[in-house]
C-alpha atoms as a PDB file:
ATOM      1  CA  UNK A   1       9.548 -20.278 -16.070  1.00  0.00           C
ATOM      2  CA  UNK A   2       9.049 -16.694 -17.237  1.00  0.00           C
ATOM      3  CA  UNK A   3       8.227 -13.917 -14.786  1.00  0.00           C
ATOM      4  CA  UNK A   4       7.433 -10.330 -15.750  1.00  0.00           C
ATOM      5  CA  UNK A   5       8.636  -8.077 -12.959  1.00  0.00           C
ATOM      6  CA  UNK A   6       8.669  -4.289 -13.162  1.00  0.00           C
ATOM      7  CA  UNK A   7       8.109  -4.508 -16.943  1.00  0.00           C
ATOM      8  CA  UNK A   8      11.156  -6.726 -17.413  1.00  0.00           C
ATOM      9  CA  UNK A   9      11.188 -10.426 -18.265  1.00  0.00           C
ATOM     10  CA  UNK A  10      13.104 -12.850 -16.071  1.00  0.00           C
ATOM     11  CA  UNK A  11      13.692 -16.537 -16.589  1.00  0.00           C
ATOM     12  CA  UNK A  12      13.770 -18.547 -13.356  1.00  0.00           C
ATOM     13  CA  UNK A  13      14.125 -22.239 -12.705  1.00  0.00           C
ATOM     14  CA  UNK A  14      10.942 -24.289 -12.554  1.00  0.00           C
ATOM     15  CA  UNK A  15      12.601 -27.114 -10.613  1.00  0.00           C
ATOM     16  CA  UNK A  16      10.648 -26.212  -7.483  1.00  0.00           C
ATOM     17  CA  UNK A  17       7.406 -24.477  -8.510  1.00  0.00           C
ATOM     18  CA  UNK A  18       6.158 -24.451  -4.907  1.00  0.00           C
ATOM     19  CA  UNK A  19       8.827 -22.019  -3.709  1.00  0.00           C
ATOM     20  CA  UNK A  20       7.362 -18.668  -2.877  1.00  0.00           C
ATOM     21  CA  UNK A  21       7.677 -15.487  -4.884  1.00  0.00           C
ATOM     22  CA  UNK A  22       9.367 -13.614  -2.019  1.00  0.00           C
ATOM     23  CA  UNK A  23      12.491 -15.781  -2.125  1.00  0.00           C
ATOM     24  CA  UNK A  24      12.655 -15.716  -5.908  1.00  0.00           C
ATOM     25  CA  UNK A  25      12.523 -11.907  -5.826  1.00  0.00           C
ATOM     26  CA  UNK A  26      15.062 -11.488  -3.041  1.00  0.00           C
ATOM     27  CA  UNK A  27      17.450 -14.413  -3.399  1.00  0.00           C
ATOM     28  CA  UNK A  28      17.382 -15.266  -7.090  1.00  0.00           C
ATOM     29  CA  UNK A  29      16.757 -11.876  -8.676  1.00  0.00           C
ATOM     30  CA  UNK A  30      18.267  -9.511  -6.109  1.00  0.00           C
ATOM     31  CA  UNK A  31      15.103  -7.428  -5.726  1.00  0.00           C
ATOM     32  CA  UNK A  32      15.523  -7.054  -1.981  1.00  0.00           C
ATOM     33  CA  UNK A  33      13.047  -4.194  -1.477  1.00  0.00           C
ATOM     34  CA  UNK A  34      10.310  -6.732  -0.813  1.00  0.00           C
ATOM     35  CA  UNK A  35      10.713  -7.649   2.845  1.00  0.00           C
ATOM     36  CA  UNK A  36      10.262 -10.839   4.821  1.00  0.00           C
ATOM     37  CA  UNK A  37       8.164 -10.239   7.913  1.00  0.00           C
ATOM     38  CA  UNK A  38       5.996 -13.001   9.296  1.00  0.00           C
ATOM     39  CA  UNK A  39       6.194 -15.612   6.527  1.00  0.00           C
ATOM     40  CA  UNK A  40       2.479 -16.328   6.907  1.00  0.00           C
ATOM     41  CA  UNK A  41       0.884 -13.565   4.806  1.00  0.00           C
ATOM     42  CA  UNK A  42      -0.301 -11.658   7.865  1.00  0.00           C
ATOM     43  CA  UNK A  43       1.941  -8.605   8.337  1.00  0.00           C
ATOM     44  CA  UNK A  44       2.092  -7.256   4.759  1.00  0.00           C
ATOM     45  CA  UNK A  45       5.827  -6.484   4.656  1.00  0.00           C
ATOM     46  CA  UNK A  46       6.140  -8.675   1.545  1.00  0.00           C
ATOM     47  CA  UNK A  47       3.339  -7.015  -0.445  1.00  0.00           C
ATOM     48  CA  UNK A  48       3.825  -6.742  -4.206  1.00  0.00           C
ATOM     49  CA  UNK A  49       1.355  -6.201  -7.044  1.00  0.00           C
ATOM     50  CA  UNK A  50       0.307  -9.154  -9.169  1.00  0.00           C
ATOM     51  CA  UNK A  51      -1.726  -7.892 -12.121  1.00  0.00           C
ATOM     52  CA  UNK A  52      -2.408  -4.727 -10.117  1.00  0.00           C
ATOM     53  CA  UNK A  53      -3.636  -6.500  -6.975  1.00  0.00           C
ATOM     54  CA  UNK A  54      -1.781  -6.204  -3.663  1.00  0.00           C
ATOM     55  CA  UNK A  55      -0.477  -9.720  -3.017  1.00  0.00           C
ATOM     56  CA  UNK A  56       1.544 -11.322  -0.235  1.00  0.00           C
ATOM     57  CA  UNK A  57       4.740 -12.629  -1.830  1.00  0.00           C
ATOM     58  CA  UNK A  58       5.649 -14.804   1.171  1.00  0.00           C
ATOM     59  CA  UNK A  59       2.713 -17.142   0.559  1.00  0.00           C
ATOM     60  CA  UNK A  60       2.413 -16.918  -3.228  1.00  0.00           C
ATOM     61  CA  UNK A  61       3.921 -19.940  -4.995  1.00  0.00           C
ATOM     62  CA  UNK A  62       6.012 -18.768  -7.923  1.00  0.00           C
ATOM     63  CA  UNK A  63       4.094 -21.172 -10.183  1.00  0.00           C
ATOM     64  CA  UNK A  64       0.896 -19.191  -9.504  1.00  0.00           C
ATOM     65  CA  UNK A  65       2.366 -15.944 -10.851  1.00  0.00           C
ATOM     66  CA  UNK A  66       4.000 -17.262 -14.011  1.00  0.00           C
ATOM     67  CA  UNK A  67       3.152 -14.882 -16.851  1.00  0.00           C
ATOM     68  CA  UNK A  68       1.483 -12.362 -14.512  1.00  0.00           C
ATOM     69  CA  UNK A  69       2.629  -8.749 -14.349  1.00  0.00           C
ATOM     70  CA  UNK A  70       4.430  -8.329 -11.049  1.00  0.00           C
ATOM     71  CA  UNK A  71       5.479  -4.993  -9.603  1.00  0.00           C
ATOM     72  CA  UNK A  72       7.745  -4.588  -6.610  1.00  0.00           C
ATOM     73  CA  UNK A  73       8.667  -1.459  -4.697  1.00  0.00           C
ATOM     74  CA  UNK A  74      11.648  -1.122  -7.055  1.00  0.00           C
ATOM     75  CA  UNK A  75       9.117  -0.708  -9.878  1.00  0.00           C
ATOM     76  CA  UNK A  76       7.076   2.103  -8.340  1.00  0.00           C
ATOM     77  CA  UNK A  77       9.406   4.864  -9.507  1.00  0.00           C
ATOM     78  CA  UNK A  78       9.362   5.602 -13.237  1.00  0.00           C
ATOM     79  CA  UNK A  79      12.091   6.989 -15.487  1.00  0.00           C
ATOM     80  CA  UNK A  80      11.890  10.737 -15.905  1.00  0.00           C
ATOM     81  CA  UNK A  81      12.624  12.658 -19.114  1.00  0.00           C
ATOM     82  CA  UNK A  82      16.331  12.570 -18.336  1.00  0.00           C
ATOM     83  CA  UNK A  83      16.270   8.834 -17.579  1.00  0.00           C
ATOM     84  CA  UNK A  84      16.658   9.318 -13.844  1.00  0.00           C
ATOM     85  CA  UNK A  85      13.977   7.784 -11.625  1.00  0.00           C
ATOM     86  CA  UNK A  86      11.028   9.887 -10.554  1.00  0.00           C
ATOM     87  CA  UNK A  87       9.501   8.667  -7.322  1.00  0.00           C
ATOM     88  CA  UNK A  88       5.878   7.529  -7.338  1.00  0.00           C
ATOM     89  CA  UNK A  89       3.551   9.954  -5.487  1.00  0.00           C
ATOM     90  CA  UNK A  90       3.173   7.378  -2.719  1.00  0.00           C
ATOM     91  CA  UNK A  91       6.947   7.225  -2.248  1.00  0.00           C
ATOM     92  CA  UNK A  92       7.204  11.024  -2.189  1.00  0.00           C
ATOM     93  CA  UNK A  93       4.310  11.318   0.270  1.00  0.00           C
ATOM     94  CA  UNK A  94       5.803   8.723   2.621  1.00  0.00           C
ATOM     95  CA  UNK A  95       9.090  10.624   2.646  1.00  0.00           C
ATOM     96  CA  UNK A  96       7.415  14.020   3.085  1.00  0.00           C
ATOM     97  CA  UNK A  97       5.261  12.743   5.984  1.00  0.00           C
ATOM     98  CA  UNK A  98       8.363  11.168   7.543  1.00  0.00           C
ATOM     99  CA  UNK A  99       6.589   7.822   7.781  1.00  0.00           C
ATOM    100  CA  UNK A 100       9.588   5.459   7.881  1.00  0.00           C
ATOM    101  CA  UNK A 101      11.172   4.796  11.230  1.00  0.00           C
ATOM    102  CA  UNK A 102      12.719   1.345  11.214  1.00  0.00           C
ATOM    103  CA  UNK A 103      11.593   1.002   7.578  1.00  0.00           C
ATOM    104  CA  UNK A 104      10.914  -2.719   7.653  1.00  0.00           C
ATOM    105  CA  UNK A 105       7.239  -2.483   6.666  1.00  0.00           C
ATOM    106  CA  UNK A 106       7.556   0.491   4.327  1.00  0.00           C
ATOM    107  CA  UNK A 107       7.819  -1.323   1.007  1.00  0.00           C
ATOM    108  CA  UNK A 108       4.693  -3.339   1.826  1.00  0.00           C
ATOM    109  CA  UNK A 109       2.901  -0.243   3.110  1.00  0.00           C
ATOM    110  CA  UNK A 110       3.735   1.691  -0.064  1.00  0.00           C
ATOM    111  CA  UNK A 111       2.725  -1.193  -2.333  1.00  0.00           C
ATOM    112  CA  UNK A 112      -0.616  -1.548  -0.536  1.00  0.00           C
ATOM    113  CA  UNK A 113      -1.180   2.213  -0.745  1.00  0.00           C
ATOM    114  CA  UNK A 114      -0.328   2.315  -4.456  1.00  0.00           C
ATOM    115  CA  UNK A 115      -2.732  -0.566  -5.175  1.00  0.00           C
ATOM    116  CA  UNK A 116      -5.460   1.226  -3.223  1.00  0.00           C
ATOM    117  CA  UNK A 117      -4.957   4.450  -5.160  1.00  0.00           C
ATOM    118  CA  UNK A 118      -4.968   2.642  -8.491  1.00  0.00           C
ATOM    119  CA  UNK A 119      -8.375   1.184  -7.632  1.00  0.00           C
ATOM    120  CA  UNK A 120      -9.732   4.181  -5.711  1.00  0.00           C
ATOM    121  CA  UNK A 121      -7.943   7.437  -6.577  1.00  0.00           C
ATOM    122  CA  UNK A 122      -9.970   9.495  -4.069  1.00  0.00           C
ATOM    123  CA  UNK A 123     -10.338   7.427  -0.908  1.00  0.00           C
ATOM    124  CA  UNK A 124     -11.881   8.789   2.252  1.00  0.00           C
ATOM    125  CA  UNK A 125      -9.789   8.694   5.411  1.00  0.00           C
ATOM    126  CA  UNK A 126     -11.782   5.666   6.599  1.00  0.00           C
ATOM    127  CA  UNK A 127     -11.221   3.871   3.292  1.00  0.00           C
ATOM    128  CA  UNK A 128      -7.484   4.430   3.724  1.00  0.00           C
ATOM    129  CA  UNK A 129      -7.602   3.031   7.260  1.00  0.00           C
ATOM    130  CA  UNK A 130      -9.591   0.016   6.057  1.00  0.00           C
ATOM    131  CA  UNK A 131      -7.296  -0.673   3.096  1.00  0.00           C
ATOM    132  CA  UNK A 132      -4.132  -0.338   5.151  1.00  0.00           C
ATOM    133  CA  UNK A 133      -5.405  -2.264   8.177  1.00  0.00           C
ATOM    134  CA  UNK A 134      -3.819  -5.572   7.139  1.00  0.00           C
ATOM    135  CA  UNK A 135      -0.331  -4.060   6.984  1.00  0.00           C
ATOM    136  CA  UNK A 136       1.402  -3.938  10.325  1.00  0.00           C
ATOM    137  CA  UNK A 137       3.899  -1.320  11.422  1.00  0.00           C
ATOM    138  CA  UNK A 138       6.143  -2.289  14.319  1.00  0.00           C
ATOM    139  CA  UNK A 139       6.823   1.374  15.041  1.00  0.00           C
ATOM    140  CA  UNK A 140       3.154   2.415  15.090  1.00  0.00           C
ATOM    141  CA  UNK A 141       3.296   5.163  12.462  1.00  0.00           C
ATOM    142  CA  UNK A 142      -0.300   4.557  11.410  1.00  0.00           C
ATOM    143  CA  UNK A 143      -1.359   8.223  11.635  1.00  0.00           C
ATOM    144  CA  UNK A 144       1.519   9.254   9.374  1.00  0.00           C
ATOM    145  CA  UNK A 145       0.762   6.389   6.980  1.00  0.00           C
ATOM    146  CA  UNK A 146      -2.848   7.586   6.638  1.00  0.00           C
ATOM    147  CA  UNK A 147      -1.669  11.184   6.153  1.00  0.00           C
ATOM    148  CA  UNK A 148       0.804  10.067   3.473  1.00  0.00           C
ATOM    149  CA  UNK A 149      -1.734   7.982   1.550  1.00  0.00           C
ATOM    150  CA  UNK A 150      -4.205  10.877   1.500  1.00  0.00           C
ATOM    151  CA  UNK A 151      -1.429  13.247   0.376  1.00  0.00           C
ATOM    152  CA  UNK A 152      -0.474  10.811  -2.391  1.00  0.00           C
ATOM    153  CA  UNK A 153      -4.106  10.721  -3.515  1.00  0.00           C
ATOM    154  CA  UNK A 154      -4.091  14.529  -3.715  1.00  0.00           C
ATOM    155  CA  UNK A 155      -0.799  14.494  -5.643  1.00  0.00           C
ATOM    156  CA  UNK A 156      -2.133  11.928  -8.117  1.00  0.00           C
ATOM    157  CA  UNK A 157      -5.271  14.035  -8.610  1.00  0.00           C
ATOM    158  CA  UNK A 158      -3.091  17.075  -9.383  1.00  0.00           C
ATOM    159  CA  UNK A 159      -1.000  15.069 -11.849  1.00  0.00           C
ATOM    160  CA  UNK A 160      -4.073  13.949 -13.772  1.00  0.00           C
ATOM    161  CA  UNK A 161      -5.747  17.366 -13.971  1.00  0.00           C
ATOM    162  CA  UNK A 162      -5.959  18.615 -17.557  1.00  0.00           C
END
């Protein structure tokens, strides 16, 4: 079975097509940035993008994403002119706002935020709260998360100005 993850093709076994994407990413492919949280699609720690849509990897059978474009937190950064990674505006904003504490939810938070900003580049504060409301943070950094998402939106707007 062919998976396209972070613009790279991977071949994975199709012996058990009901196994979930999370374990394929972490255990088979070594992309451990996607976290296991609740295992029921509730907390959002396992959020990845499937064809640009924020998706819970812990409940997504790998057979359902075959041929789809999957992006993990490892794929948010892009190569710069010198080949070194340049952090995505969401990643930079989360660091600048000092959002991470324990860090467990951060990859899912950032993936949800990036999906939001791809669909709505200028969200209102309430739209950010609504979009992020299904991602849980054990440490309660919700105010900093909102601040970071709004800062990332501003940074993206500056990057796209002519």
